[in-house]
Amino acid sequence: MSSIGMVPITQSERDQFRSMAVQYFSELNESFTPHRDWEQHYFETIQAATNIFLRWIVSDGERAGFILFGIEKHRFLPRNSGRVYELYVTPAFRGRGIARACAAQAIKELWELGPSKIELEVVEGNAKARGLWKSMGFRKASERFVLRDGAS
């Protein structure tokens, strides 16, 4: 059995993280190109937040991906929600239970922070991610629609 862990991503690892994040977002959307605001603010905003946790996923001493999760205040009520924002395992490490192990650890940590619920989104068409989260007890609660500027 392999050793799986999660370790915080430090400021000095910014470029390595951004490179892996571009790989991840490109897998989700092949036309992904980091915009200037993403280049300038994505990592820095995550690092500055005290309620967001960005970690490398490490398997047998090698970086196998990353996970981003945290706590958000409810917009209108005095409660918090846990969120799993991103979970990425590189292709070379898939199929070993790494995503499930890290997801379980992140969920455990989030529950310890006392949220009323834990939420996440799955990109349309990502059947493997949908299957993972459903198998861990998550249920579809809504559909999210996006309107981009200039769309008709």
N, C-alpha and C. Protein backbone atom coordinates (compact mmCIF):
# COMPACT_ATOMS: atom_id res chain seq x y z
N MET A 1 0.85 -1.19 0.00
CA MET A 1 0.00 0.00 0.00
C MET A 1 0.88 1.24 0.00
N SER A 2 0.55 2.20 -0.83
CA SER A 2 1.36 3.40 -0.92
C SER A 2 1.03 4.36 0.22
N SER A 3 2.00 5.22 0.52
CA SER A 3 1.84 6.26 1.53
C SER A 3 1.26 7.50 0.85
N ILE A 4 0.12 7.98 1.36
CA ILE A 4 -0.56 9.15 0.77
C ILE A 4 -0.69 10.21 1.85
N GLY A 5 -0.34 11.44 1.50
CA GLY A 5 -0.46 12.54 2.44
C GLY A 5 -0.77 13.84 1.74
N MET A 6 -1.01 14.86 2.54
CA MET A 6 -1.26 16.20 2.02
C MET A 6 -0.38 17.16 2.81
N VAL A 7 0.35 18.01 2.10
CA VAL A 7 1.22 18.99 2.75
C VAL A 7 0.93 20.38 2.18
N PRO A 8 0.96 21.41 3.03
CA PRO A 8 0.68 22.76 2.55
C PRO A 8 1.62 23.18 1.41
N ILE A 9 1.06 23.91 0.46
CA ILE A 9 1.84 24.47 -0.63
C ILE A 9 2.33 25.84 -0.16
N THR A 10 3.62 26.05 -0.23
CA THR A 10 4.21 27.28 0.27
C THR A 10 4.33 28.34 -0.83
N GLN A 11 4.57 29.56 -0.40
CA GLN A 11 4.75 30.67 -1.33
C GLN A 11 5.87 30.39 -2.32
N SER A 12 6.93 29.75 -1.86
CA SER A 12 8.07 29.47 -2.74
C SER A 12 7.75 28.42 -3.80
N GLU A 13 6.63 27.72 -3.66
CA GLU A 13 6.23 26.69 -4.63
C GLU A 13 5.18 27.20 -5.61
N ARG A 14 5.04 28.51 -5.66
CA ARG A 14 4.04 29.17 -6.51
C ARG A 14 4.11 28.69 -7.95
N ASP A 15 5.27 28.71 -8.56
CA ASP A 15 5.39 28.36 -9.98
C ASP A 15 5.06 26.89 -10.23
N GLN A 16 5.47 26.01 -9.33
CA GLN A 16 5.15 24.59 -9.49
C GLN A 16 3.64 24.37 -9.38
N PHE A 17 3.03 25.07 -8.41
CA PHE A 17 1.59 24.94 -8.26
C PHE A 17 0.87 25.48 -9.50
N ARG A 18 1.24 26.66 -9.93
CA ARG A 18 0.56 27.25 -11.09
C ARG A 18 0.70 26.37 -12.32
N SER A 19 1.85 25.75 -12.50
CA SER A 19 2.04 24.85 -13.63
C SER A 19 1.08 23.66 -13.55
N MET A 20 0.96 23.07 -12.37
CA MET A 20 0.05 21.94 -12.21
C MET A 20 -1.40 22.40 -12.33
N ALA A 21 -1.72 23.59 -11.83
CA ALA A 21 -3.09 24.10 -11.93
C ALA A 21 -3.47 24.34 -13.39
N VAL A 22 -2.55 24.84 -14.20
CA VAL A 22 -2.83 25.02 -15.62
C VAL A 22 -3.10 23.66 -16.27
N GLN A 23 -2.33 22.66 -15.91
CA GLN A 23 -2.55 21.30 -16.43
C GLN A 23 -3.96 20.83 -16.06
N TYR A 24 -4.33 21.03 -14.81
CA TYR A 24 -5.65 20.63 -14.32
C TYR A 24 -6.77 21.33 -15.07
N PHE A 25 -6.72 22.67 -15.11
CA PHE A 25 -7.79 23.41 -15.77
C PHE A 25 -7.84 23.12 -17.27
N SER A 26 -6.71 22.82 -17.87
CA SER A 26 -6.67 22.46 -19.29
C SER A 26 -7.32 21.11 -19.53
N GLU A 27 -7.20 20.19 -18.58
CA GLU A 27 -7.90 18.91 -18.71
C GLU A 27 -9.41 19.10 -18.62
N LEU A 28 -9.84 20.03 -17.78
CA LEU A 28 -11.28 20.30 -17.65
C LEU A 28 -11.83 21.03 -18.86
N ASN A 29 -11.01 21.89 -19.45
CA ASN A 29 -11.43 22.70 -20.60
C ASN A 29 -10.21 22.90 -21.50
N GLU A 30 -10.18 22.19 -22.61
CA GLU A 30 -8.98 22.22 -23.46
C GLU A 30 -8.65 23.60 -24.01
N SER A 31 -9.61 24.52 -23.98
CA SER A 31 -9.32 25.88 -24.46
C SER A 31 -8.90 26.82 -23.31
N PHE A 32 -8.67 26.26 -22.11
CA PHE A 32 -8.27 27.09 -20.98
C PHE A 32 -6.95 27.79 -21.28
N THR A 33 -6.96 29.09 -21.09
CA THR A 33 -5.76 29.91 -21.15
C THR A 33 -5.82 30.85 -19.96
N PRO A 34 -4.80 30.84 -19.12
CA PRO A 34 -4.85 31.72 -17.95
C PRO A 34 -4.94 33.19 -18.36
N HIS A 35 -5.96 33.87 -17.87
CA HIS A 35 -6.07 35.30 -18.11
C HIS A 35 -5.12 36.03 -17.16
N ARG A 36 -4.91 37.29 -17.45
CA ARG A 36 -3.98 38.08 -16.65
C ARG A 36 -4.35 38.10 -15.17
N ASP A 37 -5.66 38.23 -14.88
CA ASP A 37 -6.07 38.26 -13.47
C ASP A 37 -5.78 36.92 -12.79
N TRP A 38 -5.93 35.82 -13.51
CA TRP A 38 -5.60 34.50 -12.95
C TRP A 38 -4.11 34.44 -12.65
N GLU A 39 -3.31 34.87 -13.60
CA GLU A 39 -1.85 34.86 -13.43
C GLU A 39 -1.44 35.69 -12.21
N GLN A 40 -2.08 36.83 -12.02
CA GLN A 40 -1.67 37.76 -10.96
C GLN A 40 -2.28 37.47 -9.60
N HIS A 41 -3.47 36.84 -9.57
CA HIS A 41 -4.19 36.79 -8.30
C HIS A 41 -4.58 35.41 -7.79
N TYR A 42 -4.69 34.41 -8.64
CA TYR A 42 -5.24 33.12 -8.21
C TYR A 42 -4.47 32.56 -7.01
N PHE A 43 -3.20 32.32 -7.17
CA PHE A 43 -2.39 31.73 -6.09
C PHE A 43 -2.29 32.67 -4.90
N GLU A 44 -2.06 33.95 -5.17
CA GLU A 44 -1.86 34.91 -4.10
C GLU A 44 -3.10 35.06 -3.23
N THR A 45 -4.28 35.06 -3.85
CA THR A 45 -5.53 35.17 -3.10
C THR A 45 -5.75 33.94 -2.23
N ILE A 46 -5.45 32.77 -2.77
CA ILE A 46 -5.57 31.53 -2.00
C ILE A 46 -4.62 31.58 -0.81
N GLN A 47 -3.38 31.94 -1.05
CA GLN A 47 -2.37 31.96 0.02
C GLN A 47 -2.71 32.96 1.12
N ALA A 48 -3.37 34.06 0.76
CA ALA A 48 -3.68 35.10 1.73
C ALA A 48 -4.88 34.74 2.61
N ALA A 49 -5.70 33.82 2.18
CA ALA A 49 -6.92 33.47 2.91
C ALA A 49 -6.59 32.58 4.12
N THR A 50 -7.18 32.89 5.25
CA THR A 50 -6.93 32.09 6.45
C THR A 50 -7.89 30.91 6.57
N ASN A 51 -8.95 30.91 5.77
CA ASN A 51 -9.95 29.85 5.86
C ASN A 51 -9.93 28.92 4.63
N ILE A 52 -8.86 29.00 3.85
CA ILE A 52 -8.69 28.18 2.65
C ILE A 52 -7.41 27.37 2.81
N PHE A 53 -7.47 26.11 2.40
CA PHE A 53 -6.33 25.21 2.58
C PHE A 53 -5.92 24.65 1.22
N LEU A 54 -4.70 24.95 0.81
CA LEU A 54 -4.14 24.48 -0.46
C LEU A 54 -3.01 23.53 -0.13
N ARG A 55 -3.14 22.31 -0.59
CA ARG A 55 -2.14 21.28 -0.24
C ARG A 55 -1.73 20.47 -1.45
N TRP A 56 -0.45 20.10 -1.43
CA TRP A 56 0.02 19.10 -2.37
C TRP A 56 -0.53 17.75 -1.94
N ILE A 57 -0.87 16.93 -2.89
CA ILE A 57 -1.16 15.53 -2.62
C ILE A 57 0.15 14.80 -2.90
N VAL A 58 0.61 14.04 -1.92
CA VAL A 58 1.90 13.35 -2.04
C VAL A 58 1.67 11.86 -1.90
N SER A 59 2.21 11.10 -2.85
CA SER A 59 2.12 9.65 -2.81
C SER A 59 3.53 9.08 -2.89
N ASP A 60 3.91 8.33 -1.86
CA ASP A 60 5.25 7.76 -1.78
C ASP A 60 6.34 8.79 -2.06
N GLY A 61 6.16 9.98 -1.49
CA GLY A 61 7.16 11.04 -1.59
C GLY A 61 7.12 11.86 -2.86
N GLU A 62 6.20 11.56 -3.78
CA GLU A 62 6.11 12.30 -5.05
C GLU A 62 4.83 13.12 -5.08
N ARG A 63 4.91 14.31 -5.68
CA ARG A 63 3.71 15.13 -5.85
C ARG A 63 2.79 14.45 -6.85
N ALA A 64 1.59 14.16 -6.39
CA ALA A 64 0.62 13.45 -7.22
C ALA A 64 -0.55 14.34 -7.62
N GLY A 65 -0.61 15.57 -7.09
CA GLY A 65 -1.70 16.47 -7.40
C GLY A 65 -1.83 17.53 -6.33
N PHE A 66 -3.02 18.12 -6.25
CA PHE A 66 -3.29 19.12 -5.23
C PHE A 66 -4.77 19.11 -4.86
N ILE A 67 -5.05 19.65 -3.70
CA ILE A 67 -6.43 19.80 -3.25
C ILE A 67 -6.57 21.19 -2.64
N LEU A 68 -7.73 21.79 -2.88
CA LEU A 68 -8.05 23.12 -2.38
C LEU A 68 -9.43 23.04 -1.71
N PHE A 69 -9.48 23.35 -0.43
CA PHE A 69 -10.74 23.28 0.29
C PHE A 69 -10.77 24.34 1.38
N GLY A 70 -11.95 24.63 1.89
CA GLY A 70 -12.02 25.64 2.93
C GLY A 70 -13.41 25.85 3.47
N ILE A 71 -13.55 26.92 4.22
CA ILE A 71 -14.80 27.29 4.88
C ILE A 71 -15.24 28.65 4.35
N GLU A 72 -16.54 28.76 4.05
CA GLU A 72 -17.13 30.02 3.60
C GLU A 72 -18.27 30.41 4.52
N LYS A 73 -18.39 31.71 4.77
CA LYS A 73 -19.54 32.22 5.52
C LYS A 73 -20.76 32.19 4.61
N HIS A 74 -21.91 31.82 5.16
CA HIS A 74 -23.16 31.87 4.42
C HIS A 74 -23.46 33.32 4.09
N ARG A 75 -23.98 33.58 2.92
CA ARG A 75 -24.24 34.96 2.50
C ARG A 75 -25.24 35.68 3.39
N PHE A 76 -26.24 34.94 3.89
CA PHE A 76 -27.34 35.60 4.57
C PHE A 76 -27.60 35.11 5.99
N LEU A 77 -26.97 34.03 6.38
CA LEU A 77 -27.25 33.43 7.69
C LEU A 77 -25.98 33.31 8.52
N PRO A 78 -26.12 33.21 9.83
CA PRO A 78 -24.93 33.10 10.69
C PRO A 78 -24.41 31.67 10.77
N ARG A 79 -24.02 31.13 9.63
CA ARG A 79 -23.46 29.78 9.60
C ARG A 79 -22.41 29.69 8.51
N ASN A 80 -21.65 28.62 8.53
CA ASN A 80 -20.59 28.40 7.55
C ASN A 80 -20.87 27.14 6.74
N SER A 81 -20.29 27.10 5.56
CA SER A 81 -20.32 25.90 4.72
C SER A 81 -18.89 25.50 4.41
N GLY A 82 -18.65 24.21 4.37
CA GLY A 82 -17.38 23.70 3.89
C GLY A 82 -17.43 23.61 2.38
N ARG A 83 -16.30 23.77 1.73
CA ARG A 83 -16.26 23.66 0.26
C ARG A 83 -14.99 22.94 -0.15
N VAL A 84 -15.17 22.04 -1.09
CA VAL A 84 -14.03 21.46 -1.79
C VAL A 84 -14.02 22.17 -3.14
N TYR A 85 -13.01 22.99 -3.36
CA TYR A 85 -12.94 23.80 -4.57
C TYR A 85 -12.31 23.03 -5.73
N GLU A 86 -11.22 22.37 -5.45
CA GLU A 86 -10.50 21.64 -6.50
C GLU A 86 -9.88 20.39 -5.90
N LEU A 87 -9.87 19.32 -6.67
CA LEU A 87 -9.15 18.10 -6.31
C LEU A 87 -8.58 17.56 -7.61
N TYR A 88 -7.27 17.51 -7.69
CA TYR A 88 -6.61 17.09 -8.92
C TYR A 88 -5.54 16.06 -8.61
N VAL A 89 -5.63 14.93 -9.28
CA VAL A 89 -4.60 13.90 -9.24
C VAL A 89 -4.06 13.78 -10.66
N THR A 90 -2.74 13.88 -10.82
CA THR A 90 -2.14 13.82 -12.15
C THR A 90 -2.39 12.44 -12.78
N PRO A 91 -2.45 12.39 -14.10
CA PRO A 91 -2.76 11.12 -14.78
C PRO A 91 -1.91 9.93 -14.34
N ALA A 92 -0.63 10.14 -14.07
CA ALA A 92 0.26 9.03 -13.70
C ALA A 92 -0.11 8.38 -12.37
N PHE A 93 -0.88 9.10 -11.53
CA PHE A 93 -1.21 8.60 -10.20
C PHE A 93 -2.67 8.17 -10.05
N ARG A 94 -3.43 8.25 -11.12
CA ARG A 94 -4.86 7.93 -11.04
C ARG A 94 -5.09 6.43 -10.92
N GLY A 95 -6.24 6.10 -10.36
CA GLY A 95 -6.63 4.70 -10.23
C GLY A 95 -6.03 3.99 -9.03
N ARG A 96 -5.45 4.74 -8.09
CA ARG A 96 -4.81 4.15 -6.92
C ARG A 96 -5.53 4.49 -5.61
N GLY A 97 -6.67 5.16 -5.70
CA GLY A 97 -7.40 5.54 -4.50
C GLY A 97 -6.89 6.81 -3.85
N ILE A 98 -6.02 7.52 -4.53
CA ILE A 98 -5.42 8.73 -3.96
C ILE A 98 -6.46 9.84 -3.79
N ALA A 99 -7.28 10.07 -4.80
CA ALA A 99 -8.31 11.12 -4.72
C ALA A 99 -9.26 10.83 -3.57
N ARG A 100 -9.70 9.59 -3.45
CA ARG A 100 -10.63 9.21 -2.38
C ARG A 100 -10.00 9.43 -1.00
N ALA A 101 -8.77 9.03 -0.82
CA ALA A 101 -8.09 9.18 0.47
C ALA A 101 -7.95 10.65 0.85
N CYS A 102 -7.55 11.49 -0.11
CA CYS A 102 -7.38 12.91 0.18
C CYS A 102 -8.72 13.61 0.38
N ALA A 103 -9.72 13.22 -0.41
CA ALA A 103 -11.05 13.79 -0.23
C ALA A 103 -11.57 13.47 1.17
N ALA A 104 -11.40 12.23 1.61
CA ALA A 104 -11.86 11.83 2.93
C ALA A 104 -11.16 12.64 4.02
N GLN A 105 -9.87 12.87 3.86
CA GLN A 105 -9.12 13.66 4.85
C GLN A 105 -9.60 15.11 4.87
N ALA A 106 -9.81 15.70 3.70
CA ALA A 106 -10.28 17.08 3.62
C ALA A 106 -11.67 17.20 4.24
N ILE A 107 -12.54 16.25 3.96
CA ILE A 107 -13.90 16.26 4.52
C ILE A 107 -13.83 16.17 6.03
N LYS A 108 -12.98 15.30 6.55
CA LYS A 108 -12.81 15.17 8.00
C LYS A 108 -12.37 16.50 8.61
N GLU A 109 -11.39 17.14 7.99
CA GLU A 109 -10.91 18.43 8.49
C GLU A 109 -12.00 19.50 8.42
N LEU A 110 -12.76 19.50 7.35
CA LEU A 110 -13.84 20.49 7.22
C LEU A 110 -14.89 20.29 8.30
N TRP A 111 -15.33 19.04 8.54
CA TRP A 111 -16.33 18.79 9.58
C TRP A 111 -15.84 19.27 10.94
N GLU A 112 -14.55 19.13 11.20
CA GLU A 112 -14.00 19.58 12.48
C GLU A 112 -14.12 21.10 12.66
N LEU A 113 -14.29 21.83 11.57
CA LEU A 113 -14.45 23.29 11.64
C LEU A 113 -15.91 23.71 11.81
N GLY A 114 -16.82 22.75 11.88
CA GLY A 114 -18.21 23.02 12.22
C GLY A 114 -19.12 23.59 11.16
N PRO A 115 -18.95 23.26 9.89
CA PRO A 115 -19.89 23.80 8.90
C PRO A 115 -21.25 23.11 9.00
N SER A 116 -22.28 23.76 8.45
CA SER A 116 -23.61 23.16 8.42
C SER A 116 -23.71 22.13 7.29
N LYS A 117 -22.85 22.26 6.28
CA LYS A 117 -22.82 21.33 5.15
C LYS A 117 -21.49 21.49 4.43
N ILE A 118 -21.19 20.54 3.56
CA ILE A 118 -20.02 20.63 2.69
C ILE A 118 -20.50 20.55 1.25
N GLU A 119 -20.03 21.48 0.44
CA GLU A 119 -20.46 21.58 -0.96
C GLU A 119 -19.27 21.45 -1.89
N LEU A 120 -19.58 21.14 -3.14
CA LEU A 120 -18.58 21.15 -4.20
C LEU A 120 -19.30 21.22 -5.53
N GLU A 121 -18.56 21.49 -6.58
CA GLU A 121 -19.10 21.49 -7.93
C GLU A 121 -18.31 20.51 -8.77
N VAL A 122 -18.99 19.90 -9.72
CA VAL A 122 -18.33 19.01 -10.67
C VAL A 122 -18.59 19.58 -12.06
N VAL A 123 -17.54 19.72 -12.84
CA VAL A 123 -17.67 20.24 -14.19
C VAL A 123 -18.52 19.28 -15.02
N GLU A 124 -19.43 19.84 -15.79
CA GLU A 124 -20.29 19.06 -16.67
C GLU A 124 -19.46 18.09 -17.50
N GLY A 125 -19.85 16.83 -17.50
CA GLY A 125 -19.16 15.82 -18.29
C GLY A 125 -18.05 15.08 -17.57
N ASN A 126 -17.71 15.49 -16.34
CA ASN A 126 -16.64 14.83 -15.60
C ASN A 126 -17.24 13.67 -14.79
N ALA A 127 -17.51 12.58 -15.49
CA ALA A 127 -18.21 11.43 -14.89
C ALA A 127 -17.41 10.78 -13.77
N LYS A 128 -16.09 10.72 -13.90
CA LYS A 128 -15.28 10.10 -12.84
C LYS A 128 -15.37 10.89 -11.55
N ALA A 129 -15.29 12.20 -11.64
CA ALA A 129 -15.41 13.03 -10.44
C ALA A 129 -16.80 12.89 -9.85
N ARG A 130 -17.80 12.94 -10.69
CA ARG A 130 -19.18 12.80 -10.20
C ARG A 130 -19.34 11.46 -9.48
N GLY A 131 -18.80 10.40 -10.05
CA GLY A 131 -18.88 9.09 -9.42
C GLY A 131 -18.17 9.03 -8.08
N LEU A 132 -16.99 9.64 -8.00
CA LEU A 132 -16.25 9.67 -6.74
C LEU A 132 -17.07 10.35 -5.66
N TRP A 133 -17.55 11.55 -5.95
CA TRP A 133 -18.25 12.32 -4.92
C TRP A 133 -19.56 11.66 -4.53
N LYS A 134 -20.28 11.09 -5.49
CA LYS A 134 -21.52 10.38 -5.16
C LYS A 134 -21.23 9.19 -4.27
N SER A 135 -20.14 8.47 -4.55
CA SER A 135 -19.80 7.29 -3.75
C SER A 135 -19.40 7.68 -2.32
N MET A 136 -19.06 8.95 -2.12
CA MET A 136 -18.68 9.43 -0.79
C MET A 136 -19.86 10.08 -0.07
N GLY A 137 -21.05 9.97 -0.65
CA GLY A 137 -22.26 10.46 0.01
C GLY A 137 -22.79 11.79 -0.47
N PHE A 138 -22.12 12.46 -1.37
CA PHE A 138 -22.62 13.73 -1.90
C PHE A 138 -23.79 13.46 -2.83
N ARG A 139 -24.77 14.36 -2.82
CA ARG A 139 -25.93 14.25 -3.69
C ARG A 139 -26.10 15.54 -4.46
N LYS A 140 -26.58 15.42 -5.68
CA LYS A 140 -26.83 16.59 -6.51
C LYS A 140 -27.93 17.42 -5.87
N ALA A 141 -27.65 18.71 -5.66
CA ALA A 141 -28.60 19.59 -5.01
C ALA A 141 -29.09 20.70 -5.93
N SER A 142 -28.37 20.95 -7.02
CA SER A 142 -28.76 22.03 -7.92
C SER A 142 -28.01 21.87 -9.24
N GLU A 143 -28.35 22.71 -10.17
CA GLU A 143 -27.58 22.86 -11.40
C GLU A 143 -27.10 24.29 -11.43
N ARG A 144 -25.89 24.48 -11.89
CA ARG A 144 -25.32 25.82 -11.95
C ARG A 144 -25.21 26.23 -13.41
N PHE A 145 -25.69 27.40 -13.72
CA PHE A 145 -25.63 27.92 -15.08
C PHE A 145 -24.74 29.15 -15.10
N VAL A 146 -24.05 29.36 -16.20
CA VAL A 146 -23.13 30.48 -16.34
C VAL A 146 -23.45 31.21 -17.64
N LEU A 147 -23.48 32.52 -17.60
CA LEU A 147 -23.64 33.36 -18.77
C LEU A 147 -22.37 34.16 -18.93
N ARG A 148 -21.69 33.99 -20.02
CA ARG A 148 -20.45 34.72 -20.27
C ARG A 148 -20.76 35.99 -21.05
N ASP A 149 -19.96 37.00 -20.83
CA ASP A 149 -20.10 38.26 -21.54
C ASP A 149 -20.04 38.01 -23.05
N GLY A 150 -20.99 38.56 -23.77
CA GLY A 150 -21.01 38.43 -25.22
C GLY A 150 -21.73 37.18 -25.70
N ALA A 151 -22.19 36.34 -24.79
CA ALA A 151 -22.90 35.12 -25.20
C ALA A 151 -24.30 35.49 -25.62
N SER A 152 -24.79 34.76 -26.60
CA SER A 152 -26.19 35.03 -27.03
C SER A 152 -27.08 33.88 -26.69
